[in-house]
């Protein structure tokens, strides 16, 4: 039986370094968060997709097309990404065998990346799988099997998932992708550079 993989898109960031809700920046014919959601939906390998919102959730709900994704809110988003893991896990379909964590400010995460990671994890028994770019640069998206959910839920702060990756290094499935590392958008300069790059690729 095919393993059930849930996509968990983290869109609860406070945009403190950006100064405004970066989720709503215009990106292509969409918003930044809407673009990431659309990439996850186009991939086809996720059995459900959940988006976690935090600050400016009402405004984001009004302006972003979430399609058939489920949207949940993290009332304690200021505590970091770990609090969004808890909010997302609480909303999962009970059939879920794993979650794929996707960052809402990395528009370079394509359907190809999502599908490769999901497909390779489904063929393994690994508790964790992560993407490796340019030969050796580890990053998102990453997958955590149900056996790791309890440990995810007790983490604290930002970059918390990497603590589990480090603690289980020998059991991690690395999915190597001959692709550039998907950059985060934290500043206006980041946004302009990444938007120009993706537009130049014809997406």
N, C-alpha and C. Protein backbone atom coordinates (compact mmCIF):
# COMPACT_ATOMS: atom_id res chain seq x y z
N UNK A 1 0.85 -1.20 0.00
CA UNK A 1 0.00 0.00 0.00
C UNK A 1 0.89 1.26 0.00
N UNK A 2 0.52 2.23 -0.82
CA UNK A 2 1.28 3.48 -0.90
C UNK A 2 1.23 4.23 0.43
N UNK A 3 2.38 4.67 0.89
CA UNK A 3 2.46 5.43 2.13
C UNK A 3 1.83 6.81 1.96
N UNK A 4 1.09 7.23 2.96
CA UNK A 4 0.37 8.50 2.94
C UNK A 4 1.30 9.60 3.44
N UNK A 5 1.59 10.56 2.56
CA UNK A 5 2.48 11.66 2.91
C UNK A 5 1.70 12.97 2.94
N UNK A 6 1.78 13.65 4.06
CA UNK A 6 1.12 14.95 4.22
C UNK A 6 2.14 16.07 4.02
N UNK A 7 1.78 17.07 3.24
CA UNK A 7 2.62 18.24 3.09
C UNK A 7 2.30 19.25 4.17
N UNK A 8 3.31 19.81 4.81
CA UNK A 8 3.12 20.82 5.84
C UNK A 8 3.88 22.08 5.43
N UNK A 9 3.15 23.08 4.97
CA UNK A 9 3.77 24.32 4.51
C UNK A 9 3.77 25.33 5.66
N UNK A 10 4.96 25.80 6.02
CA UNK A 10 5.10 26.73 7.13
C UNK A 10 4.99 28.16 6.62
N UNK A 11 3.87 28.80 6.96
CA UNK A 11 3.63 30.17 6.52
C UNK A 11 3.28 31.09 7.68
N UNK A 12 3.79 30.74 8.88
CA UNK A 12 3.42 31.49 10.08
C UNK A 12 4.46 32.52 10.49
N UNK A 13 5.49 32.71 9.67
CA UNK A 13 6.56 33.63 10.03
C UNK A 13 6.07 35.05 10.26
N UNK A 14 6.74 35.74 11.19
CA UNK A 14 6.34 37.10 11.53
C UNK A 14 6.93 38.16 10.60
N UNK A 15 7.79 37.75 9.68
CA UNK A 15 8.42 38.68 8.73
C UNK A 15 9.13 39.82 9.44
N UNK A 16 9.75 39.54 10.57
CA UNK A 16 10.39 40.59 11.36
C UNK A 16 11.52 41.28 10.61
N UNK A 17 12.28 40.50 9.84
CA UNK A 17 13.39 41.10 9.10
C UNK A 17 12.90 41.80 7.84
N UNK A 18 11.68 41.47 7.41
CA UNK A 18 11.17 42.03 6.16
C UNK A 18 10.36 43.30 6.38
N UNK A 19 9.64 43.34 7.50
CA UNK A 19 8.89 44.55 7.81
C UNK A 19 7.43 44.53 7.38
N UNK A 20 7.00 43.55 6.61
CA UNK A 20 5.61 43.41 6.17
C UNK A 20 5.38 41.93 5.89
N UNK A 21 4.11 41.51 5.78
CA UNK A 21 3.86 40.08 5.53
C UNK A 21 4.44 39.63 4.19
N UNK A 22 5.57 38.98 4.22
CA UNK A 22 6.18 38.57 2.95
C UNK A 22 5.36 37.50 2.25
N UNK A 23 4.48 36.83 2.98
CA UNK A 23 3.61 35.83 2.36
C UNK A 23 2.76 36.45 1.24
N UNK A 24 2.52 37.77 1.34
CA UNK A 24 1.63 38.45 0.39
C UNK A 24 2.38 39.20 -0.71
N UNK A 25 3.68 39.07 -0.77
CA UNK A 25 4.43 39.72 -1.85
C UNK A 25 3.96 39.18 -3.20
N UNK A 26 3.85 40.04 -4.21
CA UNK A 26 3.44 39.57 -5.54
C UNK A 26 4.52 38.69 -6.16
N UNK A 27 4.13 37.51 -6.58
CA UNK A 27 5.11 36.57 -7.14
C UNK A 27 4.49 35.90 -8.35
N UNK A 28 5.02 36.22 -9.54
CA UNK A 28 4.40 35.75 -10.76
C UNK A 28 3.00 36.31 -10.85
N UNK A 29 2.03 35.46 -11.07
CA UNK A 29 0.62 35.89 -11.07
C UNK A 29 -0.02 35.54 -9.73
N UNK A 30 0.78 35.39 -8.72
CA UNK A 30 0.31 34.89 -7.44
C UNK A 30 0.93 35.73 -6.33
N UNK A 31 0.78 35.28 -5.08
CA UNK A 31 1.54 35.82 -3.96
C UNK A 31 2.66 34.83 -3.66
N UNK A 32 3.60 35.25 -2.83
CA UNK A 32 4.72 34.36 -2.51
C UNK A 32 4.22 33.05 -1.89
N UNK A 33 3.36 33.15 -0.87
CA UNK A 33 2.86 31.94 -0.24
C UNK A 33 1.96 31.16 -1.20
N UNK A 34 1.16 31.88 -1.98
CA UNK A 34 0.30 31.21 -2.96
C UNK A 34 1.11 30.43 -3.98
N UNK A 35 2.27 30.98 -4.36
CA UNK A 35 3.15 30.28 -5.31
C UNK A 35 3.63 28.96 -4.72
N UNK A 36 4.11 29.01 -3.46
CA UNK A 36 4.60 27.79 -2.82
C UNK A 36 3.48 26.76 -2.70
N UNK A 37 2.29 27.21 -2.32
CA UNK A 37 1.14 26.29 -2.23
C UNK A 37 0.86 25.66 -3.59
N UNK A 38 0.91 26.46 -4.64
CA UNK A 38 0.62 25.93 -5.98
C UNK A 38 1.66 24.91 -6.42
N UNK A 39 2.91 25.11 -6.03
CA UNK A 39 3.95 24.14 -6.38
C UNK A 39 3.68 22.80 -5.69
N UNK A 40 3.27 22.85 -4.43
CA UNK A 40 2.96 21.61 -3.70
C UNK A 40 1.76 20.90 -4.33
N UNK A 41 0.76 21.67 -4.75
CA UNK A 41 -0.42 21.06 -5.36
C UNK A 41 -0.10 20.47 -6.73
N UNK A 42 0.77 21.11 -7.47
CA UNK A 42 1.14 20.61 -8.80
C UNK A 42 1.96 19.33 -8.72
N UNK A 43 2.64 19.13 -7.60
CA UNK A 43 3.54 17.99 -7.50
C UNK A 43 2.80 16.67 -7.65
N UNK A 44 1.67 16.53 -7.02
CA UNK A 44 0.88 15.32 -7.16
C UNK A 44 1.27 14.18 -6.25
N UNK A 45 2.39 14.29 -5.54
CA UNK A 45 2.86 13.18 -4.71
C UNK A 45 2.41 13.31 -3.26
N UNK A 46 1.80 14.42 -2.89
CA UNK A 46 1.33 14.62 -1.52
C UNK A 46 -0.15 14.22 -1.43
N UNK A 47 -0.50 13.51 -0.38
CA UNK A 47 -1.87 13.04 -0.23
C UNK A 47 -2.78 14.07 0.42
N UNK A 48 -2.21 15.05 1.07
CA UNK A 48 -2.93 16.21 1.60
C UNK A 48 -1.89 17.29 1.82
N UNK A 49 -2.36 18.54 1.89
CA UNK A 49 -1.46 19.65 2.16
C UNK A 49 -2.10 20.55 3.20
N UNK A 50 -1.33 20.87 4.22
CA UNK A 50 -1.77 21.75 5.31
C UNK A 50 -0.86 22.96 5.34
N UNK A 51 -1.45 24.15 5.46
CA UNK A 51 -0.68 25.39 5.56
C UNK A 51 -0.90 25.95 6.97
N UNK A 52 0.20 26.28 7.63
CA UNK A 52 0.12 26.86 8.97
C UNK A 52 0.38 28.36 8.88
N UNK A 53 -0.57 29.15 9.38
CA UNK A 53 -0.44 30.61 9.39
C UNK A 53 -0.26 31.11 10.81
N UNK A 54 0.28 32.34 10.92
CA UNK A 54 0.46 32.95 12.23
C UNK A 54 0.05 34.40 12.18
N UNK A 55 1.03 35.29 12.20
CA UNK A 55 0.72 36.73 12.14
C UNK A 55 0.03 37.08 10.82
N UNK A 56 -0.91 38.01 10.88
CA UNK A 56 -1.66 38.49 9.71
C UNK A 56 -2.47 37.37 9.05
N UNK A 57 -2.88 36.38 9.82
CA UNK A 57 -3.57 35.22 9.25
C UNK A 57 -4.84 35.61 8.53
N UNK A 58 -5.62 36.54 9.08
CA UNK A 58 -6.88 36.92 8.44
C UNK A 58 -6.64 37.55 7.07
N UNK A 59 -5.67 38.46 7.02
CA UNK A 59 -5.36 39.12 5.74
C UNK A 59 -4.83 38.11 4.73
N UNK A 60 -4.01 37.20 5.17
CA UNK A 60 -3.45 36.19 4.27
C UNK A 60 -4.55 35.28 3.74
N UNK A 61 -5.47 34.87 4.60
CA UNK A 61 -6.60 34.03 4.16
C UNK A 61 -7.41 34.70 3.06
N UNK A 62 -7.57 36.02 3.18
CA UNK A 62 -8.38 36.76 2.21
C UNK A 62 -7.69 36.87 0.85
N UNK A 63 -6.36 36.92 0.84
CA UNK A 63 -5.64 37.26 -0.38
C UNK A 63 -4.91 36.11 -1.06
N UNK A 64 -4.79 34.99 -0.38
CA UNK A 64 -4.07 33.86 -0.95
C UNK A 64 -5.06 32.78 -1.39
N UNK A 65 -4.84 32.25 -2.59
CA UNK A 65 -5.65 31.14 -3.09
C UNK A 65 -5.03 29.84 -2.55
N UNK A 66 -5.70 29.23 -1.60
CA UNK A 66 -5.18 28.01 -0.99
C UNK A 66 -5.69 26.74 -1.66
N UNK A 67 -6.53 26.88 -2.69
CA UNK A 67 -7.00 25.71 -3.40
C UNK A 67 -7.66 24.72 -2.45
N UNK A 68 -7.27 23.46 -2.55
CA UNK A 68 -7.86 22.43 -1.68
C UNK A 68 -7.00 22.11 -0.46
N UNK A 69 -6.08 23.02 -0.12
CA UNK A 69 -5.27 22.80 1.08
C UNK A 69 -6.09 23.13 2.33
N UNK A 70 -5.67 22.57 3.46
CA UNK A 70 -6.30 22.89 4.74
C UNK A 70 -5.45 23.93 5.43
N UNK A 71 -6.07 24.98 5.93
CA UNK A 71 -5.35 26.08 6.58
C UNK A 71 -5.64 26.04 8.07
N UNK A 72 -4.57 26.05 8.87
CA UNK A 72 -4.70 26.10 10.32
C UNK A 72 -3.88 27.26 10.85
N UNK A 73 -4.22 27.73 12.03
CA UNK A 73 -3.50 28.86 12.61
C UNK A 73 -2.70 28.43 13.83
N UNK A 74 -1.54 29.03 13.96
CA UNK A 74 -0.65 28.79 15.09
C UNK A 74 -0.67 30.04 15.97
N UNK A 75 -1.40 30.01 17.08
CA UNK A 75 -1.53 31.21 17.91
C UNK A 75 -0.24 31.58 18.65
N UNK A 76 0.71 30.67 18.70
CA UNK A 76 1.98 30.96 19.40
C UNK A 76 3.14 30.95 18.40
N UNK A 77 2.89 31.50 17.20
CA UNK A 77 3.88 31.48 16.12
C UNK A 77 5.19 32.16 16.52
N UNK A 78 5.13 33.09 17.48
CA UNK A 78 6.34 33.81 17.89
C UNK A 78 7.35 32.89 18.57
N UNK A 79 6.91 31.67 18.94
CA UNK A 79 7.81 30.71 19.59
C UNK A 79 8.68 29.96 18.59
N UNK A 80 8.49 30.21 17.28
CA UNK A 80 9.35 29.60 16.27
C UNK A 80 8.69 28.46 15.50
N UNK A 81 9.46 27.90 14.58
CA UNK A 81 8.92 26.87 13.68
C UNK A 81 8.39 25.66 14.43
N UNK A 82 9.00 25.32 15.55
CA UNK A 82 8.57 24.13 16.28
C UNK A 82 7.11 24.21 16.67
N UNK A 83 6.63 25.40 17.01
CA UNK A 83 5.22 25.54 17.37
C UNK A 83 4.31 25.29 16.17
N UNK A 84 4.81 25.57 14.97
CA UNK A 84 4.02 25.29 13.76
C UNK A 84 3.99 23.80 13.46
N UNK A 85 5.06 23.07 13.83
CA UNK A 85 5.01 21.62 13.67
C UNK A 85 3.86 21.06 14.50
N UNK A 86 3.72 21.54 15.73
CA UNK A 86 2.65 21.05 16.59
C UNK A 86 1.28 21.36 16.02
N UNK A 87 1.10 22.58 15.52
CA UNK A 87 -0.19 22.96 14.94
C UNK A 87 -0.51 22.11 13.72
N UNK A 88 0.50 21.86 12.89
CA UNK A 88 0.28 21.06 11.69
C UNK A 88 0.00 19.61 11.99
N UNK A 89 0.77 19.02 12.90
CA UNK A 89 0.57 17.61 13.25
C UNK A 89 -0.82 17.39 13.84
N UNK A 90 -1.30 18.35 14.61
CA UNK A 90 -2.63 18.22 15.21
C UNK A 90 -3.74 18.18 14.17
N UNK A 91 -3.46 18.72 12.97
CA UNK A 91 -4.48 18.79 11.92
C UNK A 91 -4.36 17.67 10.89
N UNK A 92 -3.40 16.75 11.06
CA UNK A 92 -3.16 15.73 10.05
C UNK A 92 -4.31 14.74 9.92
N UNK A 93 -4.46 14.24 8.71
CA UNK A 93 -5.33 13.10 8.46
C UNK A 93 -4.79 11.93 9.29
N UNK A 94 -5.64 11.18 9.98
CA UNK A 94 -5.15 10.07 10.81
C UNK A 94 -4.42 8.99 10.03
N UNK A 95 -4.59 8.97 8.71
CA UNK A 95 -3.89 7.98 7.89
C UNK A 95 -2.45 8.36 7.59
N UNK A 96 -2.05 9.56 7.98
CA UNK A 96 -0.73 10.07 7.59
C UNK A 96 0.40 9.21 8.13
N UNK A 97 1.29 8.81 7.23
CA UNK A 97 2.49 8.05 7.60
C UNK A 97 3.70 8.95 7.80
N UNK A 98 3.63 10.17 7.27
CA UNK A 98 4.78 11.08 7.35
C UNK A 98 4.34 12.48 6.97
N UNK A 99 5.14 13.46 7.39
CA UNK A 99 4.93 14.84 6.94
C UNK A 99 6.16 15.31 6.18
N UNK A 100 5.90 16.06 5.12
CA UNK A 100 6.96 16.73 4.39
C UNK A 100 6.89 18.20 4.75
N UNK A 101 7.94 18.71 5.37
CA UNK A 101 7.98 20.11 5.78
C UNK A 101 8.51 20.95 4.63
N UNK A 102 7.70 21.93 4.22
CA UNK A 102 8.03 22.83 3.12
C UNK A 102 7.99 24.26 3.65
N UNK A 103 9.01 25.04 3.38
CA UNK A 103 9.05 26.41 3.87
C UNK A 103 8.29 27.34 2.93
N UNK A 104 7.42 28.17 3.52
CA UNK A 104 6.58 29.05 2.72
C UNK A 104 7.31 30.21 2.08
N UNK A 105 8.60 30.39 2.41
CA UNK A 105 9.37 31.48 1.80
C UNK A 105 10.49 30.97 0.92
N UNK A 106 10.34 29.73 0.43
CA UNK A 106 11.31 29.16 -0.51
C UNK A 106 10.60 28.82 -1.83
N UNK A 107 10.38 29.80 -2.68
CA UNK A 107 9.66 29.55 -3.94
C UNK A 107 10.42 28.66 -4.91
N UNK A 108 11.71 28.43 -4.65
CA UNK A 108 12.49 27.56 -5.53
C UNK A 108 12.23 26.08 -5.32
N UNK A 109 11.40 25.73 -4.34
CA UNK A 109 11.03 24.32 -4.14
C UNK A 109 9.97 23.96 -5.17
N UNK A 110 10.36 23.15 -6.13
CA UNK A 110 9.53 22.84 -7.29
C UNK A 110 8.80 21.51 -7.13
N UNK A 111 7.80 21.25 -7.99
CA UNK A 111 7.14 19.94 -7.98
C UNK A 111 8.13 18.79 -8.17
N UNK A 112 9.15 19.00 -8.99
CA UNK A 112 10.16 17.97 -9.20
C UNK A 112 10.84 17.59 -7.89
N UNK A 113 11.21 18.58 -7.09
CA UNK A 113 11.88 18.32 -5.82
C UNK A 113 10.95 17.57 -4.87
N UNK A 114 9.72 18.05 -4.76
CA UNK A 114 8.74 17.42 -3.87
C UNK A 114 8.50 15.97 -4.27
N UNK A 115 8.33 15.73 -5.55
CA UNK A 115 8.05 14.37 -6.03
C UNK A 115 9.23 13.44 -5.80
N UNK A 116 10.44 13.92 -6.07
CA UNK A 116 11.62 13.08 -5.87
C UNK A 116 11.77 12.68 -4.41
N UNK A 117 11.60 13.64 -3.52
CA UNK A 117 11.75 13.35 -2.10
C UNK A 117 10.68 12.38 -1.62
N UNK A 118 9.43 12.62 -2.00
CA UNK A 118 8.34 11.73 -1.58
C UNK A 118 8.52 10.33 -2.15
N UNK A 119 8.87 10.23 -3.42
CA UNK A 119 9.00 8.92 -4.05
C UNK A 119 10.12 8.10 -3.42
N UNK A 120 11.26 8.74 -3.18
CA UNK A 120 12.38 7.99 -2.61
C UNK A 120 12.11 7.61 -1.16
N UNK A 121 11.43 8.49 -0.40
CA UNK A 121 11.10 8.10 0.97
C UNK A 121 10.13 6.93 1.00
N UNK A 122 9.15 6.93 0.09
CA UNK A 122 8.17 5.84 0.08
C UNK A 122 8.83 4.48 -0.17
N UNK A 123 9.96 4.48 -0.81
CA UNK A 123 10.66 3.22 -1.08
C UNK A 123 11.60 2.82 0.05
N UNK A 124 11.63 3.58 1.11
CA UNK A 124 12.54 3.31 2.22
C UNK A 124 11.76 3.14 3.52
N UNK A 125 12.49 2.82 4.57
CA UNK A 125 11.92 2.77 5.92
C UNK A 125 12.57 3.83 6.80
N UNK A 126 13.12 4.86 6.17
CA UNK A 126 13.86 5.88 6.90
C UNK A 126 12.93 6.73 7.78
N UNK A 127 13.34 7.03 9.01
CA UNK A 127 12.53 7.91 9.85
C UNK A 127 12.58 9.36 9.39
N UNK A 128 13.66 9.73 8.68
CA UNK A 128 13.84 11.09 8.20
C UNK A 128 14.43 11.05 6.80
N UNK A 129 13.96 11.94 5.94
CA UNK A 129 14.56 12.10 4.62
C UNK A 129 14.72 13.60 4.37
N UNK A 130 15.81 13.97 3.74
CA UNK A 130 16.00 15.39 3.44
C UNK A 130 16.63 15.57 2.08
N UNK A 131 16.46 16.77 1.56
CA UNK A 131 16.98 17.11 0.24
C UNK A 131 18.43 17.57 0.36
N UNK A 132 19.24 17.15 -0.59
CA UNK A 132 20.65 17.56 -0.63
C UNK A 132 20.90 18.17 -2.01
N UNK A 133 21.34 19.43 -2.02
CA UNK A 133 21.52 20.17 -3.27
C UNK A 133 23.00 20.38 -3.59
N UNK A 134 23.27 20.56 -4.85
CA UNK A 134 24.65 20.88 -5.28
C UNK A 134 25.67 19.89 -4.73
N UNK A 135 25.27 18.66 -4.52
CA UNK A 135 26.20 17.64 -4.07
C UNK A 135 26.28 17.45 -2.58
N UNK A 136 26.22 18.54 -1.79
CA UNK A 136 26.43 18.36 -0.34
C UNK A 136 25.69 19.34 0.55
N UNK A 137 24.82 20.18 -0.02
CA UNK A 137 24.15 21.18 0.81
C UNK A 137 22.76 20.69 1.21
N UNK A 138 22.59 20.41 2.50
CA UNK A 138 21.35 19.85 3.00
C UNK A 138 20.31 20.93 3.27
N UNK A 139 19.04 20.61 2.95
CA UNK A 139 18.00 21.61 3.17
C UNK A 139 16.60 21.03 3.08
N UNK A 140 15.63 21.93 2.96
CA UNK A 140 14.23 21.56 2.82
C UNK A 140 13.91 21.34 1.34
N UNK A 141 12.81 20.64 1.09
CA UNK A 141 11.91 20.02 2.07
C UNK A 141 12.55 18.81 2.73
N UNK A 142 11.98 18.44 3.88
CA UNK A 142 12.42 17.24 4.58
C UNK A 142 11.20 16.47 5.07
N UNK A 143 11.37 15.18 5.22
CA UNK A 143 10.26 14.31 5.62
C UNK A 143 10.57 13.69 6.98
N UNK A 144 9.54 13.66 7.83
CA UNK A 144 9.62 12.97 9.10
C UNK A 144 8.51 11.93 9.16
N UNK A 145 8.90 10.67 9.40
CA UNK A 145 7.92 9.60 9.51
C UNK A 145 7.12 9.73 10.81
N UNK A 146 5.98 9.04 10.85
CA UNK A 146 5.11 9.12 12.03
C UNK A 146 5.87 8.77 13.32
N UNK A 147 6.83 7.88 13.23
CA UNK A 147 7.59 7.50 14.42
C UNK A 147 8.34 8.67 15.05
N UNK A 148 8.49 9.77 14.28
CA UNK A 148 9.21 10.95 14.78
C UNK A 148 8.26 12.05 15.25
N UNK A 149 6.96 11.88 15.08
CA UNK A 149 6.02 12.97 15.40
C UNK A 149 6.12 13.40 16.86
N UNK A 150 6.21 12.45 17.79
CA UNK A 150 6.28 12.81 19.21
C UNK A 150 7.50 13.67 19.49
N UNK A 151 8.61 13.35 18.84
CA UNK A 151 9.82 14.14 19.05
C UNK A 151 9.71 15.52 18.41
N UNK A 152 9.05 15.61 17.27
CA UNK A 152 8.83 16.91 16.63
C UNK A 152 7.98 17.83 17.51
N UNK A 153 6.99 17.24 18.16
CA UNK A 153 6.04 18.04 18.93
C UNK A 153 6.64 18.64 20.20
N UNK A 154 7.76 18.13 20.67
CA UNK A 154 8.35 18.66 21.91
C UNK A 154 9.56 19.56 21.64
N UNK A 155 9.83 19.83 20.37
CA UNK A 155 10.93 20.73 20.03
C UNK A 155 10.55 22.17 20.34
N UNK A 156 11.55 23.03 20.40
CA UNK A 156 11.31 24.46 20.67
C UNK A 156 12.20 25.30 19.77
N UNK A 157 11.68 26.48 19.38
CA UNK A 157 12.47 27.45 18.64
C UNK A 157 12.49 27.22 17.13
N UNK A 158 13.33 28.01 16.47
CA UNK A 158 13.52 27.90 15.02
C UNK A 158 14.62 26.88 14.71
N UNK A 159 14.59 26.38 13.49
CA UNK A 159 15.57 25.38 13.02
C UNK A 159 15.59 24.14 13.92
N UNK A 160 14.48 23.93 14.64
CA UNK A 160 14.43 22.84 15.61
C UNK A 160 14.52 21.47 14.95
N UNK A 161 13.97 21.33 13.74
CA UNK A 161 13.99 20.02 13.09
C UNK A 161 15.40 19.51 12.85
N UNK A 162 16.35 20.44 12.71
CA UNK A 162 17.73 20.02 12.47
C UNK A 162 18.31 19.30 13.68
N UNK A 163 17.75 19.55 14.86
CA UNK A 163 18.21 18.83 16.05
C UNK A 163 17.91 17.33 15.90
N UNK A 164 16.74 17.02 15.34
CA UNK A 164 16.40 15.62 15.12
C UNK A 164 17.24 15.01 14.00
N UNK A 165 17.51 15.80 12.98
CA UNK A 165 18.37 15.32 11.89
C UNK A 165 19.74 14.96 12.45
N UNK A 166 20.31 15.84 13.25
CA UNK A 166 21.64 15.60 13.81
C UNK A 166 21.64 14.40 14.77
N UNK A 167 20.57 14.27 15.55
CA UNK A 167 20.51 13.19 16.54
C UNK A 167 20.30 11.82 15.90
N UNK A 168 19.79 11.82 14.66
CA UNK A 168 19.50 10.56 13.96
C UNK A 168 20.29 10.47 12.66
N UNK A 169 21.48 11.04 12.64
CA UNK A 169 22.25 11.19 11.40
C UNK A 169 22.43 9.88 10.64
N UNK A 170 22.63 8.78 11.33
CA UNK A 170 22.88 7.52 10.64
C UNK A 170 21.63 6.93 9.99
N UNK A 171 20.46 7.41 10.41
CA UNK A 171 19.22 6.86 9.89
C UNK A 171 18.56 7.76 8.85
N UNK A 172 19.23 8.88 8.51
CA UNK A 172 18.64 9.86 7.58
C UNK A 172 18.86 9.42 6.13
N UNK A 173 17.79 9.45 5.36
CA UNK A 173 17.88 9.21 3.93
C UNK A 173 18.16 10.54 3.24
N UNK A 174 19.29 10.63 2.54
CA UNK A 174 19.63 11.84 1.81
C UNK A 174 19.25 11.67 0.34
N UNK A 175 18.40 12.56 -0.14
CA UNK A 175 17.96 12.51 -1.54
C UNK A 175 18.74 13.59 -2.29
N UNK A 176 19.69 13.15 -3.12
CA UNK A 176 20.57 14.09 -3.81
C UNK A 176 19.91 14.62 -5.08
N UNK A 177 19.92 15.93 -5.19
CA UNK A 177 19.28 16.62 -6.31
C UNK A 177 20.31 17.50 -7.01
N UNK A 178 20.51 17.30 -8.29
CA UNK A 178 21.48 18.11 -9.02
C UNK A 178 20.91 19.49 -9.36
N UNK A 179 20.52 20.20 -8.31
CA UNK A 179 19.82 21.47 -8.47
C UNK A 179 20.41 22.49 -7.50
N UNK A 180 20.25 23.78 -7.80
CA UNK A 180 20.73 24.81 -6.87
C UNK A 180 19.89 24.82 -5.59
N UNK A 181 20.51 25.23 -4.51
CA UNK A 181 19.84 25.30 -3.21
C UNK A 181 18.73 26.35 -3.24
N UNK A 182 17.50 26.00 -2.82
CA UNK A 182 16.40 26.99 -2.81
C UNK A 182 16.62 28.02 -1.69
N UNK A 183 16.77 29.26 -2.05
CA UNK A 183 17.06 30.29 -1.08
C UNK A 183 15.80 30.78 -0.35
N UNK A 184 15.98 31.15 0.94
CA UNK A 184 14.90 31.79 1.69
C UNK A 184 14.79 33.25 1.24
N UNK A 185 13.60 33.81 1.43
CA UNK A 185 13.41 35.24 1.19
C UNK A 185 13.25 35.93 2.54
N UNK A 186 14.25 36.71 2.92
CA UNK A 186 14.22 37.42 4.20
C UNK A 186 14.28 38.93 4.04
N UNK A 187 14.74 39.41 2.89
CA UNK A 187 14.87 40.84 2.65
C UNK A 187 14.29 41.18 1.28
N UNK A 188 14.09 42.46 1.03
CA UNK A 188 13.61 42.91 -0.28
C UNK A 188 14.61 42.52 -1.37
N UNK A 189 15.90 42.58 -1.05
CA UNK A 189 16.92 42.21 -2.03
C UNK A 189 16.81 40.73 -2.38
N UNK A 190 16.59 39.89 -1.36
CA UNK A 190 16.38 38.47 -1.61
C UNK A 190 15.20 38.26 -2.56
N UNK A 191 14.12 38.95 -2.25
CA UNK A 191 12.90 38.80 -3.04
C UNK A 191 13.12 39.18 -4.49
N UNK A 192 13.73 40.33 -4.72
CA UNK A 192 13.94 40.80 -6.09
C UNK A 192 14.85 39.86 -6.87
N UNK A 193 15.90 39.37 -6.22
CA UNK A 193 16.84 38.47 -6.89
C UNK A 193 16.19 37.14 -7.24
N UNK A 194 15.49 36.55 -6.28
CA UNK A 194 14.89 35.24 -6.49
C UNK A 194 13.73 35.32 -7.47
N UNK A 195 12.92 36.38 -7.37
CA UNK A 195 11.81 36.53 -8.30
C UNK A 195 12.32 36.68 -9.73
N UNK A 196 13.40 37.42 -9.91
CA UNK A 196 13.97 37.61 -11.25
C UNK A 196 14.51 36.29 -11.79
N UNK A 197 15.14 35.50 -10.91
CA UNK A 197 15.70 34.22 -11.34
C UNK A 197 14.62 33.27 -11.80
N UNK A 198 13.56 33.15 -11.02
CA UNK A 198 12.48 32.22 -11.37
C UNK A 198 11.73 32.69 -12.61
N UNK A 199 11.55 34.00 -12.74
CA UNK A 199 10.92 34.54 -13.94
C UNK A 199 11.78 34.25 -15.16
N UNK A 200 13.09 34.34 -14.97
CA UNK A 200 14.00 34.09 -16.07
C UNK A 200 14.00 32.64 -16.52
N UNK A 201 13.60 31.74 -15.61
CA UNK A 201 13.52 30.33 -15.96
C UNK A 201 12.21 29.98 -16.66
N UNK A 202 11.33 30.99 -16.76
CA UNK A 202 10.11 30.78 -17.52
C UNK A 202 8.96 30.21 -16.72
N UNK A 203 9.06 30.21 -15.38
CA UNK A 203 7.98 29.68 -14.54
C UNK A 203 6.92 30.73 -14.31
